[in-house]
Amino acid sequence: MLVSAKEMLVKAKKGKYAVGQFNINNLEWTKAILLTAQENNSPVILGVSEGAGKYMCGYKTIVGMVEGMLEELNITVPVALHLDHGSFEGAKETIAAGFSSVMFDGSHYGIEENVEKTKEIVALAHSKGISVEAEVGSIGGEEDGVVGAGEVADPAECKRIADLGIDFLAAGIGNIHGKYPENWAGLNFEVLGKINEATGDMPLVLHGGSGIPDEMIKEAISLGVAKINVNTECQLVFAEATRKYIEEGKDQQGKGYDPRKVLAPGFEAIKACVKEKMELFGSIGQA
């Protein structure tokens, strides 16, 4: 059964570890992440961007697939199905479709409009027991056509949004989506510390978790980050493993062209990547 992400993230913040949100793009990715979570007794959040939602035939299809897997694979660890960087309409659609958690990203609006729209999503989601993530500042880079300039969040604005009753907060602190450039300045821990102080017990979210050095990840967790999003690294290892299989000609051996065989190396690569992140985040054994 899908659960709200609130309880797992409150527990994570108190325990000084983070729960990984791993974005899903198809059946193989979903299965790999769920099995890895179960094998490592870790709570997990399955992230779905609006672009991935369209690619996978819509939100009801995704809910059906994930709920079916939870039953068929005997998944007993806490699993939340979460809309990633959702628009106002997208958040409402996923709430209706049966997601257990949503992110409304109003960071590109002025603070007053962000507050009003976030307030409406919170009321709707909480009436159905669904957790809500909001965003202040913006995450740099591009994800599914959503471009963020990477503005560092204002702690006072973070407090305003947190006080609306959201369950966890994403705040821009110099993090970006995609690969980090060589001249990246790193995370702004001074601002993160101020946001954590301003928002109290609110679990904080670190987007763009792929490629951030381990020590920075640990420092972020110590300053209140309880949810870390990973997508790019899974994409990279999946593509690399699939490419290697094809280039080595394994698809030409026997029935190596069978899609179940073609996608198997990428599936295993995602499992390894997810386990590595769970170890780093400290969520293993926390289910």
C-alpha atoms as a PDB file:
ATOM      1  CA  MET A   1       0.000   0.000   0.000  1.00  0.00           C
ATOM      2  CA  LEU A   2       1.277   3.460  -0.907  1.00  0.00           C
ATOM      3  CA  VAL A   3       1.867   5.826   2.016  1.00  0.00           C
ATOM      4  CA  SER A   4       2.253   9.560   2.498  1.00  0.00           C
ATOM      5  CA  ALA A   5       5.907  10.621   2.637  1.00  0.00           C
ATOM      6  CA  LYS A   6       5.366  12.754   5.756  1.00  0.00           C
ATOM      7  CA  GLU A   7       5.968  10.142   8.448  1.00  0.00           C
ATOM      8  CA  MET A   8       9.084   8.658   6.809  1.00  0.00           C
ATOM      9  CA  LEU A   9      10.638  12.113   6.391  1.00  0.00           C
ATOM     10  CA  VAL A  10       9.851  13.341   9.914  1.00  0.00           C
ATOM     11  CA  LYS A  11      11.481  10.132  11.195  1.00  0.00           C
ATOM     12  CA  ALA A  12      14.470  10.666   8.873  1.00  0.00           C
ATOM     13  CA  LYS A  13      15.076  14.237  10.041  1.00  0.00           C
ATOM     14  CA  LYS A  14      14.982  13.149  13.687  1.00  0.00           C
ATOM     15  CA  GLY A  15      17.294  10.219  12.920  1.00  0.00           C
ATOM     16  CA  LYS A  16      19.772  12.355  10.918  1.00  0.00           C
ATOM     17  CA  TYR A  17      19.461  10.382   7.685  1.00  0.00           C
ATOM     18  CA  ALA A  18      17.683  10.999   4.375  1.00  0.00           C
ATOM     19  CA  VAL A  19      15.200   9.039   2.266  1.00  0.00           C
ATOM     20  CA  GLY A  20      15.991   8.861  -1.428  1.00  0.00           C
ATOM     21  CA  GLN A  21      13.521   9.919  -4.069  1.00  0.00           C
ATOM     22  CA  PHE A  22      14.395   7.971  -7.201  1.00  0.00           C
ATOM     23  CA  ASN A  23      12.581   9.019 -10.357  1.00  0.00           C
ATOM     24  CA  ILE A  24      10.876   6.315 -12.401  1.00  0.00           C
ATOM     25  CA  ASN A  25      10.529   6.223 -16.173  1.00  0.00           C
ATOM     26  CA  ASN A  26       9.220   2.741 -16.931  1.00  0.00           C
ATOM     27  CA  LEU A  27       8.454  -0.684 -15.468  1.00  0.00           C
ATOM     28  CA  GLU A  28      12.112  -1.747 -15.233  1.00  0.00           C
ATOM     29  CA  TRP A  29      13.155   1.335 -13.276  1.00  0.00           C
ATOM     30  CA  THR A  30      10.206   0.995 -10.887  1.00  0.00           C
ATOM     31  CA  LYS A  31      10.841  -2.691 -10.251  1.00  0.00           C
ATOM     32  CA  ALA A  32      14.586  -2.146  -9.716  1.00  0.00           C
ATOM     33  CA  ILE A  33      14.028   0.627  -7.154  1.00  0.00           C
ATOM     34  CA  LEU A  34      11.298  -1.226  -5.243  1.00  0.00           C
ATOM     35  CA  LEU A  35      13.311  -4.459  -5.022  1.00  0.00           C
ATOM     36  CA  THR A  36      16.404  -2.584  -3.843  1.00  0.00           C
ATOM     37  CA  ALA A  37      14.396  -0.805  -1.146  1.00  0.00           C
ATOM     38  CA  GLN A  38      12.931  -4.118   0.048  1.00  0.00           C
ATOM     39  CA  GLU A  39      16.297  -5.910   0.009  1.00  0.00           C
ATOM     40  CA  ASN A  40      17.839  -3.119   2.094  1.00  0.00           C
ATOM     41  CA  ASN A  41      14.864  -2.516   4.400  1.00  0.00           C
ATOM     42  CA  SER A  42      14.766   1.141   3.365  1.00  0.00           C
ATOM     43  CA  PRO A  43      11.808   3.490   2.927  1.00  0.00           C
ATOM     44  CA  VAL A  44      11.709   4.927  -0.573  1.00  0.00           C
ATOM     45  CA  ILE A  45       9.992   7.624  -2.627  1.00  0.00           C
ATOM     46  CA  LEU A  46       9.208   7.013  -6.304  1.00  0.00           C
ATOM     47  CA  GLY A  47       9.356  10.335  -8.144  1.00  0.00           C
ATOM     48  CA  VAL A  48       7.367  11.025 -11.304  1.00  0.00           C
ATOM     49  CA  SER A  49       7.874  14.187 -13.346  1.00  0.00           C
ATOM     50  CA  GLU A  50       5.000  15.429 -15.494  1.00  0.00           C
ATOM     51  CA  GLY A  51       6.976  14.510 -18.615  1.00  0.00           C
ATOM     52  CA  ALA A  52       7.522  10.963 -17.346  1.00  0.00           C
ATOM     53  CA  GLY A  53       3.826  10.817 -16.457  1.00  0.00           C
ATOM     54  CA  LYS A  54       2.878  11.498 -20.065  1.00  0.00           C
ATOM     55  CA  TYR A  55       5.481   9.031 -21.324  1.00  0.00           C
ATOM     56  CA  MET A  56       4.062   6.264 -19.113  1.00  0.00           C
ATOM     57  CA  CYS A  57       0.484   6.761 -20.424  1.00  0.00           C
ATOM     58  CA  GLY A  58      -0.774   8.963 -17.605  1.00  0.00           C
ATOM     59  CA  TYR A  59      -0.999   9.042 -13.836  1.00  0.00           C
ATOM     60  CA  LYS A  60      -3.663   6.345 -13.414  1.00  0.00           C
ATOM     61  CA  THR A  61      -1.490   3.916 -15.383  1.00  0.00           C
ATOM     62  CA  ILE A  62       1.441   4.665 -13.062  1.00  0.00           C
ATOM     63  CA  VAL A  63      -0.636   4.216  -9.899  1.00  0.00           C
ATOM     64  CA  GLY A  64      -1.932   0.886 -11.219  1.00  0.00           C
ATOM     65  CA  MET A  65       1.569  -0.313 -12.109  1.00  0.00           C
ATOM     66  CA  VAL A  66       3.096   0.667  -8.765  1.00  0.00           C
ATOM     67  CA  GLU A  67       0.244  -0.716  -6.658  1.00  0.00           C
ATOM     68  CA  GLY A  68       0.373  -3.963  -8.637  1.00  0.00           C
ATOM     69  CA  MET A  69       4.114  -4.278  -8.027  1.00  0.00           C
ATOM     70  CA  LEU A  70       3.771  -3.646  -4.299  1.00  0.00           C
ATOM     71  CA  GLU A  71       1.433  -6.621  -4.121  1.00  0.00           C
ATOM     72  CA  GLU A  72       3.105  -8.970  -6.608  1.00  0.00           C
ATOM     73  CA  LEU A  73       6.652  -8.348  -5.310  1.00  0.00           C
ATOM     74  CA  ASN A  74       5.558  -8.449  -1.644  1.00  0.00           C
ATOM     75  CA  ILE A  75       6.988  -5.017  -0.909  1.00  0.00           C
ATOM     76  CA  THR A  76       6.561  -4.278   2.804  1.00  0.00           C
ATOM     77  CA  VAL A  77       8.799  -1.200   3.251  1.00  0.00           C
ATOM     78  CA  PRO A  78       7.124   2.251   3.201  1.00  0.00           C
ATOM     79  CA  VAL A  79       6.723   3.495  -0.398  1.00  0.00           C
ATOM     80  CA  ALA A  80       5.442   6.920  -1.447  1.00  0.00           C
ATOM     81  CA  LEU A  81       4.489   7.755  -5.029  1.00  0.00           C
ATOM     82  CA  HIS A  82       5.355  11.426  -5.470  1.00  0.00           C
ATOM     83  CA  LEU A  83       4.783  14.016  -8.200  1.00  0.00           C
ATOM     84  CA  ASP A  84       8.092  15.788  -8.888  1.00  0.00           C
ATOM     85  CA  HIS A  85       8.101  19.516  -9.778  1.00  0.00           C
ATOM     86  CA  GLY A  86       4.374  19.533 -10.313  1.00  0.00           C
ATOM     87  CA  SER A  87       2.414  22.387 -11.820  1.00  0.00           C
ATOM     88  CA  PHE A  88      -0.778  23.558 -10.088  1.00  0.00           C
ATOM     89  CA  GLU A  89      -2.940  21.499 -12.474  1.00  0.00           C
ATOM     90  CA  GLY A  90      -0.530  18.548 -12.392  1.00  0.00           C
ATOM     91  CA  ALA A  91      -0.705  18.402  -8.601  1.00  0.00           C
ATOM     92  CA  LYS A  92      -4.508  18.317  -8.735  1.00  0.00           C
ATOM     93  CA  GLU A  93      -4.459  15.585 -11.402  1.00  0.00           C
ATOM     94  CA  THR A  94      -2.097  13.318  -9.423  1.00  0.00           C
ATOM     95  CA  ILE A  95      -4.110  13.814  -6.232  1.00  0.00           C
ATOM     96  CA  ALA A  96      -7.187  12.623  -8.149  1.00  0.00           C
ATOM     97  CA  ALA A  97      -5.282   9.711  -9.730  1.00  0.00           C
ATOM     98  CA  GLY A  98      -4.163   8.229  -6.397  1.00  0.00           C
ATOM     99  CA  PHE A  99      -0.604   9.445  -5.828  1.00  0.00           C
ATOM    100  CA  SER A 100       0.283   9.426  -2.127  1.00  0.00           C
ATOM    101  CA  SER A 101       2.442  12.570  -2.236  1.00  0.00           C
ATOM    102  CA  VAL A 102       2.757  15.631  -4.475  1.00  0.00           C
ATOM    103  CA  MET A 103       5.132  18.492  -5.055  1.00  0.00           C
ATOM    104  CA  PHE A 104       3.658  21.785  -6.128  1.00  0.00           C
ATOM    105  CA  ASP A 105       6.511  23.862  -7.499  1.00  0.00           C
ATOM    106  CA  GLY A 106       5.391  27.466  -7.287  1.00  0.00           C
ATOM    107  CA  SER A 107       8.940  28.815  -7.133  1.00  0.00           C
ATOM    108  CA  HIS A 108       8.624  30.559 -10.513  1.00  0.00           C
ATOM    109  CA  TYR A 109       5.700  32.651  -9.215  1.00  0.00           C
ATOM    110  CA  GLY A 110       6.076  35.679  -6.966  1.00  0.00           C
ATOM    111  CA  ILE A 111       5.944  34.750  -3.278  1.00  0.00           C
ATOM    112  CA  GLU A 112       2.314  35.903  -2.845  1.00  0.00           C
ATOM    113  CA  GLU A 113       1.049  33.706  -5.693  1.00  0.00           C
ATOM    114  CA  ASN A 114       3.240  30.814  -4.527  1.00  0.00           C
ATOM    115  CA  VAL A 115       1.639  31.141  -1.061  1.00  0.00           C
ATOM    116  CA  GLU A 116      -1.945  31.219  -2.410  1.00  0.00           C
ATOM    117  CA  LYS A 117      -1.542  28.284  -4.788  1.00  0.00           C
ATOM    118  CA  THR A 118       0.404  26.207  -2.252  1.00  0.00           C
ATOM    119  CA  LYS A 119      -2.324  26.831   0.341  1.00  0.00           C
ATOM    120  CA  GLU A 120      -4.963  25.464  -2.050  1.00  0.00           C
ATOM    121  CA  ILE A 121      -2.942  22.332  -2.874  1.00  0.00           C
ATOM    122  CA  VAL A 122      -2.269  21.685   0.834  1.00  0.00           C
ATOM    123  CA  ALA A 123      -6.006  21.826   1.652  1.00  0.00           C
ATOM    124  CA  LEU A 124      -6.903  19.479  -1.212  1.00  0.00           C
ATOM    125  CA  ALA A 125      -4.081  16.989  -0.591  1.00  0.00           C
ATOM    126  CA  HIS A 126      -4.438  16.863   3.180  1.00  0.00           C
ATOM    127  CA  SER A 127      -8.163  16.159   2.877  1.00  0.00           C
ATOM    128  CA  LYS A 128      -7.101  12.864   1.277  1.00  0.00           C
ATOM    129  CA  GLY A 129      -4.091  12.096   3.505  1.00  0.00           C
ATOM    130  CA  ILE A 130      -1.586  13.041   0.789  1.00  0.00           C
ATOM    131  CA  SER A 131       1.704  14.747   1.704  1.00  0.00           C
ATOM    132  CA  VAL A 132       2.805  18.017   0.072  1.00  0.00           C
ATOM    133  CA  GLU A 133       6.221  19.367  -0.913  1.00  0.00           C
ATOM    134  CA  ALA A 134       6.638  23.027  -1.900  1.00  0.00           C
ATOM    135  CA  GLU A 135       9.601  24.987  -3.260  1.00  0.00           C
ATOM    136  CA  VAL A 136      11.215  28.353  -2.588  1.00  0.00           C
ATOM    137  CA  GLY A 137      14.083  29.703  -4.667  1.00  0.00           C
ATOM    138  CA  SER A 138      14.755  27.480  -7.666  1.00  0.00           C
ATOM    139  CA  ILE A 139      16.861  24.526  -8.644  1.00  0.00           C
ATOM    140  CA  GLY A 140      19.327  25.284 -11.426  1.00  0.00           C
ATOM    141  CA  GLY A 141      19.420  23.429 -14.731  1.00  0.00           C
ATOM    142  CA  GLU A 142      16.572  21.786 -16.628  1.00  0.00           C
ATOM    143  CA  GLU A 143      14.323  18.845 -15.888  1.00  0.00           C
ATOM    144  CA  ASP A 144      11.580  17.895 -18.338  1.00  0.00           C
ATOM    145  CA  GLY A 145      11.497  21.407 -19.759  1.00  0.00           C
ATOM    146  CA  VAL A 146      11.317  23.081 -16.327  1.00  0.00           C
ATOM    147  CA  VAL A 147      14.276  25.486 -16.234  1.00  0.00           C
ATOM    148  CA  GLY A 148      15.553  26.914 -12.973  1.00  0.00           C
ATOM    149  CA  ALA A 149      18.097  29.707 -12.773  1.00  0.00           C
ATOM    150  CA  GLY A 150      19.311  28.413  -9.425  1.00  0.00           C
ATOM    151  CA  GLU A 151      18.213  31.295  -7.172  1.00  0.00           C
ATOM    152  CA  VAL A 152      19.176  30.786  -3.546  1.00  0.00           C
ATOM    153  CA  ALA A 153      16.079  30.712  -1.339  1.00  0.00           C
ATOM    154  CA  ASP A 154      15.206  33.451   1.123  1.00  0.00           C
ATOM    155  CA  PRO A 155      14.867  31.911   4.644  1.00  0.00           C
ATOM    156  CA  ALA A 156      12.012  34.316   5.478  1.00  0.00           C
ATOM    157  CA  GLU A 157      10.058  33.175   2.396  1.00  0.00           C
ATOM    158  CA  CYS A 158      10.808  29.548   3.337  1.00  0.00           C
ATOM    159  CA  LYS A 159       9.206  30.156   6.721  1.00  0.00           C
ATOM    160  CA  ARG A 160       6.106  31.689   5.081  1.00  0.00           C
ATOM    161  CA  ILE A 161       5.631  28.620   2.890  1.00  0.00           C
ATOM    162  CA  ALA A 162       6.439  26.199   5.718  1.00  0.00           C
ATOM    163  CA  ASP A 163       3.811  27.856   7.921  1.00  0.00           C
ATOM    164  CA  LEU A 164       1.105  26.951   5.362  1.00  0.00           C
ATOM    165  CA  GLY A 165       1.137  23.389   6.691  1.00  0.00           C
ATOM    166  CA  ILE A 166       3.204  21.746   3.947  1.00  0.00           C
ATOM    167  CA  ASP A 167       4.972  18.527   4.933  1.00  0.00           C
ATOM    168  CA  PHE A 168       8.453  19.122   3.493  1.00  0.00           C
ATOM    169  CA  LEU A 169      10.218  21.966   1.725  1.00  0.00           C
ATOM    170  CA  ALA A 170      12.600  22.176  -1.240  1.00  0.00           C
ATOM    171  CA  ALA A 171      14.826  25.237  -1.080  1.00  0.00           C
ATOM    172  CA  GLY A 172      17.359  26.315  -3.678  1.00  0.00           C
ATOM    173  CA  ILE A 173      20.877  26.365  -2.158  1.00  0.00           C
ATOM    174  CA  GLY A 174      22.992  26.287  -5.322  1.00  0.00           C
ATOM    175  CA  ASN A 175      21.964  22.761  -6.363  1.00  0.00           C
ATOM    176  CA  ILE A 176      21.151  21.971 -10.006  1.00  0.00           C
ATOM    177  CA  HIS A 177      19.463  19.284 -12.107  1.00  0.00           C
ATOM    178  CA  GLY A 178      21.599  17.263 -14.481  1.00  0.00           C
ATOM    179  CA  LYS A 179      25.392  17.007 -14.471  1.00  0.00           C
ATOM    180  CA  TYR A 180      27.259  19.479 -12.280  1.00  0.00           C
ATOM    181  CA  PRO A 181      29.755  21.660 -14.181  1.00  0.00           C
ATOM    182  CA  GLU A 182      33.432  21.652 -13.201  1.00  0.00           C
ATOM    183  CA  ASN A 183      33.204  25.270 -12.002  1.00  0.00           C
ATOM    184  CA  TRP A 184      30.200  24.597  -9.725  1.00  0.00           C
ATOM    185  CA  ALA A 185      30.496  26.620  -6.515  1.00  0.00           C
ATOM    186  CA  GLY A 186      28.974  23.931  -4.279  1.00  0.00           C
ATOM    187  CA  LEU A 187      26.022  24.001  -1.898  1.00  0.00           C
ATOM    188  CA  ASN A 188      25.383  27.103   0.204  1.00  0.00           C
ATOM    189  CA  PHE A 189      25.415  25.641   3.717  1.00  0.00           C
ATOM    190  CA  GLU A 190      25.144  29.027   5.383  1.00  0.00           C
ATOM    191  CA  VAL A 191      21.749  29.594   3.753  1.00  0.00           C
ATOM    192  CA  LEU A 192      20.692  25.976   4.411  1.00  0.00           C
ATOM    193  CA  GLY A 193      21.474  26.456   8.107  1.00  0.00           C
ATOM    194  CA  LYS A 194      19.353  29.625   8.220  1.00  0.00           C
ATOM    195  CA  ILE A 195      16.461  27.883   6.405  1.00  0.00           C
ATOM    196  CA  ASN A 196      16.625  24.972   8.848  1.00  0.00           C
ATOM    197  CA  GLU A 197      16.565  27.399  11.771  1.00  0.00           C
ATOM    198  CA  ALA A 198      13.639  29.350  10.294  1.00  0.00           C
ATOM    199  CA  THR A 199      11.513  26.287   9.500  1.00  0.00           C
ATOM    200  CA  GLY A 200      12.117  24.287  12.698  1.00  0.00           C
ATOM    201  CA  ASP A 201      11.177  20.601  12.461  1.00  0.00           C
ATOM    202  CA  MET A 202      10.219  20.809   8.769  1.00  0.00           C
ATOM    203  CA  PRO A 203      12.066  18.121   6.718  1.00  0.00           C
ATOM    204  CA  LEU A 204      14.050  19.796   3.939  1.00  0.00           C
ATOM    205  CA  VAL A 205      14.560  18.476   0.407  1.00  0.00           C
ATOM    206  CA  LEU A 206      17.722  18.484  -1.699  1.00  0.00           C
ATOM    207  CA  HIS A 207      16.960  18.343  -5.425  1.00  0.00           C
ATOM    208  CA  GLY A 208      19.692  17.553  -7.948  1.00  0.00           C
ATOM    209  CA  GLY A 209      21.264  14.885  -5.728  1.00  0.00           C
ATOM    210  CA  SER A 210      23.231  13.291  -8.595  1.00  0.00           C
ATOM    211  CA  GLY A 211      26.909  14.188  -8.568  1.00  0.00           C
ATOM    212  CA  ILE A 212      27.053  16.104  -5.283  1.00  0.00           C
ATOM    213  CA  PRO A 213      30.197  15.017  -3.360  1.00  0.00           C
ATOM    214  CA  ASP A 214      29.528  12.609  -0.466  1.00  0.00           C
ATOM    215  CA  GLU A 215      30.789  15.015   2.184  1.00  0.00           C
ATOM    216  CA  MET A 216      28.384  17.707   0.989  1.00  0.00           C
ATOM    217  CA  ILE A 217      25.503  15.207   1.113  1.00  0.00           C
ATOM    218  CA  LYS A 218      26.376  14.330   4.734  1.00  0.00           C
ATOM    219  CA  GLU A 219      26.682  18.005   5.673  1.00  0.00           C
ATOM    220  CA  ALA A 220      23.273  18.742   4.086  1.00  0.00           C
ATOM    221  CA  ILE A 221      21.682  15.896   6.091  1.00  0.00           C
ATOM    222  CA  SER A 222      23.199  17.297   9.298  1.00  0.00           C
ATOM    223  CA  LEU A 223      21.492  20.632   8.495  1.00  0.00           C
ATOM    224  CA  GLY A 224      17.967  19.244   8.139  1.00  0.00           C
ATOM    225  CA  VAL A 225      17.809  17.620   4.686  1.00  0.00           C
ATOM    226  CA  ALA A 226      15.682  14.468   4.974  1.00  0.00           C
ATOM    227  CA  LYS A 227      14.838  13.802   1.298  1.00  0.00           C
ATOM    228  CA  ILE A 228      17.347  13.684  -1.552  1.00  0.00           C
ATOM    229  CA  ASN A 229      16.290  13.405  -5.193  1.00  0.00           C
ATOM    230  CA  VAL A 230      18.238  11.233  -7.631  1.00  0.00           C
ATOM    231  CA  ASN A 231      17.493  10.898 -11.345  1.00  0.00           C
ATOM    232  CA  THR A 232      20.454  11.792 -13.565  1.00  0.00           C
ATOM    233  CA  GLU A 233      22.799   9.169 -12.086  1.00  0.00           C
ATOM    234  CA  CYS A 234      20.243   6.425 -12.707  1.00  0.00           C
ATOM    235  CA  GLN A 235      19.833   7.646 -16.294  1.00  0.00           C
ATOM    236  CA  LEU A 236      23.608   7.618 -16.831  1.00  0.00           C
ATOM    237  CA  VAL A 237      24.230   4.115 -15.445  1.00  0.00           C
ATOM    238  CA  PHE A 238      21.197   2.701 -17.262  1.00  0.00           C
ATOM    239  CA  ALA A 239      22.370   4.146 -20.598  1.00  0.00           C
ATOM    240  CA  GLU A 240      25.964   3.038 -20.041  1.00  0.00           C
ATOM    241  CA  ALA A 241      25.041  -0.565 -19.171  1.00  0.00           C
ATOM    242  CA  THR A 242      22.635  -0.829 -22.117  1.00  0.00           C
ATOM    243  CA  ARG A 243      25.205   0.649 -24.521  1.00  0.00           C
ATOM    244  CA  LYS A 244      27.879  -1.796 -23.309  1.00  0.00           C
ATOM    245  CA  TYR A 245      25.550  -4.756 -23.875  1.00  0.00           C
ATOM    246  CA  ILE A 246      24.811  -3.657 -27.460  1.00  0.00           C
ATOM    247  CA  GLU A 247      28.390  -2.685 -28.329  1.00  0.00           C
ATOM    248  CA  GLU A 248      29.704  -6.032 -27.097  1.00  0.00           C
ATOM    249  CA  GLY A 249      27.306  -7.721 -29.516  1.00  0.00           C
ATOM    250  CA  LYS A 250      25.465  -9.606 -26.796  1.00  0.00           C
ATOM    251  CA  ASP A 251      22.172  -8.726 -28.470  1.00  0.00           C
ATOM    252  CA  GLN A 252      23.312 -10.865 -31.431  1.00  0.00           C
ATOM    253  CA  GLN A 253      23.955 -13.990 -29.339  1.00  0.00           C
ATOM    254  CA  GLY A 254      21.100 -16.484 -29.191  1.00  0.00           C
ATOM    255  CA  LYS A 255      17.978 -14.529 -28.320  1.00  0.00           C
ATOM    256  CA  GLY A 256      19.965 -11.666 -26.857  1.00  0.00           C
ATOM    257  CA  TYR A 257      17.733  -9.236 -28.715  1.00  0.00           C
ATOM    258  CA  ASP A 258      14.824 -10.158 -26.393  1.00  0.00           C
ATOM    259  CA  PRO A 259      13.948  -6.854 -24.656  1.00  0.00           C
ATOM    260  CA  ARG A 260      14.037  -8.622 -21.293  1.00  0.00           C
ATOM    261  CA  LYS A 261      17.694  -9.442 -21.986  1.00  0.00           C
ATOM    262  CA  VAL A 262      18.548  -6.068 -23.567  1.00  0.00           C
ATOM    263  CA  LEU A 263      17.214  -4.156 -20.542  1.00  0.00           C
ATOM    264  CA  ALA A 264      18.593  -6.508 -17.859  1.00  0.00           C
ATOM    265  CA  PRO A 265      22.070  -4.888 -17.538  1.00  0.00           C
ATOM    266  CA  GLY A 266      20.506  -1.427 -17.117  1.00  0.00           C
ATOM    267  CA  PHE A 267      18.104  -2.849 -14.525  1.00  0.00           C
ATOM    268  CA  GLU A 268      21.022  -4.234 -12.494  1.00  0.00           C
ATOM    269  CA  ALA A 269      22.953  -0.966 -12.873  1.00  0.00           C
ATOM    270  CA  ILE A 270      20.041   0.992 -11.393  1.00  0.00           C
ATOM    271  CA  LYS A 271      19.785  -1.442  -8.481  1.00  0.00           C
ATOM    272  CA  ALA A 272      23.485  -0.948  -7.717  1.00  0.00           C
ATOM    273  CA  CYS A 273      23.194   2.848  -7.997  1.00  0.00           C
ATOM    274  CA  VAL A 274      20.145   2.981  -5.724  1.00  0.00           C
ATOM    275  CA  LYS A 275      21.796   0.769  -3.084  1.00  0.00           C
ATOM    276  CA  GLU A 276      24.898   2.972  -3.125  1.00  0.00           C
ATOM    277  CA  LYS A 277      22.747   6.078  -2.572  1.00  0.00           C
ATOM    278  CA  MET A 278      20.762   4.440   0.230  1.00  0.00           C
ATOM    279  CA  GLU A 279      24.040   3.602   1.979  1.00  0.00           C
ATOM    280  CA  LEU A 280      25.230   7.195   1.610  1.00  0.00           C
ATOM    281  CA  PHE A 281      21.930   8.675   2.763  1.00  0.00           C
ATOM    282  CA  GLY A 282      21.783   6.343   5.790  1.00  0.00           C
ATOM    283  CA  SER A 283      18.307   4.951   5.046  1.00  0.00           C
ATOM    284  CA  ILE A 284      19.244   1.248   5.013  1.00  0.00           C
ATOM    285  CA  GLY A 285      17.545  -0.617   7.829  1.00  0.00           C
ATOM    286  CA  GLN A 286      15.243   2.326   8.623  1.00  0.00           C
ATOM    287  CA  ALA A 287      11.960   0.927   7.243  1.00  0.00           C
END
